[in-house]
């Protein structure tokens, strides 16, 4: 359990960063691109505050299952902490693959979660960065995705934003 999130069974932050470093090394060797998607749940604090932490845990577990069903084979999914999740898309041919995954995630969230005998719709905001355009290290790509996520949330919930930062290498 040192490398897995106890609640969702996904990789935890520590293991995700290890896998991220390996993905970057492999992408460099193969001259490939990869995408890093950082996601958080919109209005998650409201769920925890109004329905309780048990309900929040159910939402996190359900969200992680839906994300697992959306990722491609070879992609790496993890929980960064709280309601933040990350997806590493390896072997990216072009940006259209990212749009496809975002669409899959959005479609998977159209089905409501049942909490305390009521249905609740959950949505996510997503920030996206690309290797090598936005950095050559997990910390650079995380930073770019985090800023993009913040921009996505500032425009509207249930939104995505591609990083517009260019990191000097």
Protein backbone atom coordinates (compact mmCIF):
# COMPACT_ATOMS: atom_id res chain seq x y z
CA UNK A 1 0.00 0.00 0.00
CA UNK A 2 3.05 2.28 0.03
CA UNK A 3 2.39 3.04 -3.64
CA UNK A 4 -1.39 2.92 -3.79
CA UNK A 5 -4.10 5.22 -2.54
CA UNK A 6 -5.98 3.31 0.16
CA UNK A 7 -9.39 4.69 -0.85
CA UNK A 8 -9.34 4.29 -4.63
CA UNK A 9 -6.65 1.66 -5.21
CA UNK A 10 -5.02 3.96 -7.78
CA UNK A 11 -1.35 4.91 -7.68
CA UNK A 12 -0.62 7.50 -5.02
CA UNK A 13 1.33 10.71 -5.70
CA UNK A 14 4.67 9.10 -4.87
CA UNK A 15 4.24 6.17 -7.26
CA UNK A 16 2.66 8.36 -9.93
CA UNK A 17 5.73 10.64 -9.96
CA UNK A 18 8.00 7.58 -10.26
CA UNK A 19 5.95 6.33 -13.21
CA UNK A 20 5.92 9.84 -14.68
CA UNK A 21 9.74 9.97 -14.68
CA UNK A 22 9.87 6.62 -16.48
CA UNK A 23 7.26 7.81 -19.02
CA UNK A 24 9.32 10.93 -19.75
CA UNK A 25 12.49 8.83 -20.20
CA UNK A 26 10.70 6.48 -22.59
CA UNK A 27 9.12 9.34 -24.53
CA UNK A 28 12.55 10.96 -24.87
CA UNK A 29 14.14 7.71 -26.13
CA UNK A 30 11.32 7.10 -28.64
CA UNK A 31 10.95 10.77 -29.61
CA UNK A 32 7.28 10.69 -28.56
CA UNK A 33 4.93 13.14 -26.94
CA UNK A 34 2.94 12.56 -23.80
CA UNK A 35 0.14 14.46 -22.14
CA UNK A 36 -0.41 15.05 -18.45
CA UNK A 37 -3.98 15.69 -17.34
CA UNK A 38 -4.67 17.03 -13.86
CA UNK A 39 -8.28 16.83 -12.72
CA UNK A 40 -10.28 17.80 -9.70
CA UNK A 41 -13.91 17.35 -8.81
CA UNK A 42 -16.09 20.43 -8.97
CA UNK A 43 -18.07 21.23 -5.81
CA UNK A 44 -16.43 18.35 -3.93
CA UNK A 45 -16.17 20.48 -0.79
CA UNK A 46 -19.94 20.96 -0.90
CA UNK A 47 -20.44 17.18 -0.95
CA UNK A 48 -18.12 16.67 2.02
CA UNK A 49 -19.61 19.58 3.99
CA UNK A 50 -23.27 18.80 3.30
CA UNK A 51 -23.41 15.04 2.85
CA UNK A 52 -20.44 13.98 4.96
CA UNK A 53 -17.03 12.50 4.35
CA UNK A 54 -18.45 9.02 3.77
CA UNK A 55 -20.40 10.40 0.80
CA UNK A 56 -17.25 12.19 -0.37
CA UNK A 57 -15.34 8.90 -0.21
CA UNK A 58 -18.02 7.22 -2.35
CA UNK A 59 -17.72 10.00 -4.93
CA UNK A 60 -13.92 9.64 -5.03
CA UNK A 61 -14.20 5.87 -5.48
CA UNK A 62 -16.84 6.21 -8.19
CA UNK A 63 -14.85 8.90 -10.00
CA UNK A 64 -11.73 6.73 -9.97
CA UNK A 65 -13.69 3.79 -11.45
CA UNK A 66 -15.04 5.99 -14.20
CA UNK A 67 -11.58 7.35 -14.96
CA UNK A 68 -10.22 3.79 -15.15
CA UNK A 69 -12.86 2.95 -17.75
CA UNK A 70 -11.87 6.01 -19.84
CA UNK A 71 -8.10 5.65 -20.02
CA UNK A 72 -6.28 3.96 -22.86
CA UNK A 73 -4.13 0.88 -22.41
CA UNK A 74 -0.69 2.05 -21.33
CA UNK A 75 -1.93 5.26 -19.74
CA UNK A 76 -1.19 5.77 -16.06
CA UNK A 77 -3.79 6.98 -13.58
CA UNK A 78 -3.28 8.14 -10.02
CA UNK A 79 -4.72 10.16 -7.19
CA UNK A 80 -2.56 13.12 -6.25
CA UNK A 81 -4.49 13.73 -3.02
CA UNK A 82 -7.85 15.10 -1.92
CA UNK A 83 -10.01 15.33 -4.99
CA UNK A 84 -7.08 15.71 -7.41
CA UNK A 85 -6.36 12.99 -9.95
CA UNK A 86 -3.84 12.73 -12.76
CA UNK A 87 -3.62 10.84 -16.01
CA UNK A 88 -0.40 10.32 -17.95
CA UNK A 89 -1.14 9.65 -21.61
CA UNK A 90 1.85 7.81 -23.06
CA UNK A 91 2.71 7.41 -26.74
CA UNK A 92 0.62 10.34 -27.84
CA UNK A 93 0.30 10.64 -31.61
CA UNK A 94 -1.54 13.98 -31.58
CA UNK A 95 -3.71 16.23 -29.44
CA UNK A 96 -6.93 14.71 -30.79
CA UNK A 97 -6.31 11.73 -28.49
CA UNK A 98 -6.48 14.08 -25.51
CA UNK A 99 -9.81 15.48 -26.73
CA UNK A 100 -11.11 11.90 -27.05
CA UNK A 101 -10.17 11.11 -23.43
CA UNK A 102 -11.67 14.35 -22.16
CA UNK A 103 -14.86 13.53 -24.04
CA UNK A 104 -14.92 10.00 -22.57
CA UNK A 105 -14.47 11.40 -19.06
CA UNK A 106 -17.21 13.98 -19.59
CA UNK A 107 -19.57 11.32 -20.98
CA UNK A 108 -18.83 8.97 -18.07
CA UNK A 109 -19.87 11.70 -15.63
CA UNK A 110 -23.30 12.20 -17.18
CA UNK A 111 -24.53 9.26 -15.12
CA UNK A 112 -25.28 10.58 -11.60
CA UNK A 113 -23.83 9.22 -8.36
CA UNK A 114 -26.32 7.94 -5.82
CA UNK A 115 -25.59 9.31 -2.36
CA UNK A 116 -27.95 8.90 0.58
CA UNK A 117 -30.78 7.82 -1.76
CA UNK A 118 -30.41 10.95 -3.91
CA UNK A 119 -28.77 11.40 -7.28
CA UNK A 120 -25.94 13.90 -7.65
CA UNK A 121 -24.18 14.92 -10.80
CA UNK A 122 -20.43 15.19 -10.48
CA UNK A 123 -18.20 17.06 -12.88
CA UNK A 124 -14.49 17.67 -13.24
CA UNK A 125 -12.21 20.42 -14.44
CA UNK A 126 -9.05 19.42 -16.30
CA UNK A 127 -5.69 21.07 -16.89
CA UNK A 128 -3.46 19.64 -19.61
CA UNK A 129 0.25 19.94 -20.32
CA UNK A 130 2.41 18.24 -22.93
CA UNK A 131 5.88 16.78 -22.98
CA UNK A 132 8.16 18.15 -24.35
CA UNK A 133 6.46 21.51 -25.04
CA UNK A 134 5.70 22.38 -21.43
CA UNK A 135 8.64 20.78 -19.68
CA UNK A 136 11.00 17.87 -19.34
CA UNK A 137 10.36 16.96 -15.72
CA UNK A 138 7.35 15.86 -13.71
CA UNK A 139 7.54 19.05 -11.61
CA UNK A 140 7.46 21.32 -14.69
CA UNK A 141 4.57 19.42 -16.27
CA UNK A 142 2.66 19.26 -12.98
CA UNK A 143 3.06 23.02 -12.58
CA UNK A 144 1.82 23.72 -16.10
CA UNK A 145 -1.16 21.37 -15.67
CA UNK A 146 -1.98 22.90 -12.30
CA UNK A 147 -2.00 26.42 -13.76
CA UNK A 148 -4.11 25.20 -16.68
CA UNK A 149 -6.53 23.54 -14.23
CA UNK A 150 -6.85 26.80 -12.30
CA UNK A 151 -7.58 28.65 -15.57
CA UNK A 152 -10.18 26.05 -16.54
CA UNK A 153 -11.96 26.48 -13.20
CA UNK A 154 -11.83 30.28 -13.45
CA UNK A 155 -13.75 30.21 -16.74
CA UNK A 156 -16.41 27.65 -15.80
CA UNK A 157 -16.77 24.38 -13.96
CA UNK A 158 -16.72 21.17 -16.02
CA UNK A 159 -14.14 22.74 -18.30
CA UNK A 160 -10.66 21.94 -19.57
CA UNK A 161 -7.70 24.12 -20.48
CA UNK A 162 -4.47 23.35 -22.28
CA UNK A 163 -1.37 24.90 -20.81
CA UNK A 164 -0.12 27.96 -22.63
CA UNK A 165 3.19 28.15 -20.77
CA UNK A 166 6.40 27.40 -22.56
CA UNK A 167 9.19 26.30 -20.28
CA UNK A 168 12.75 27.29 -21.12
CA UNK A 169 14.79 24.11 -21.40
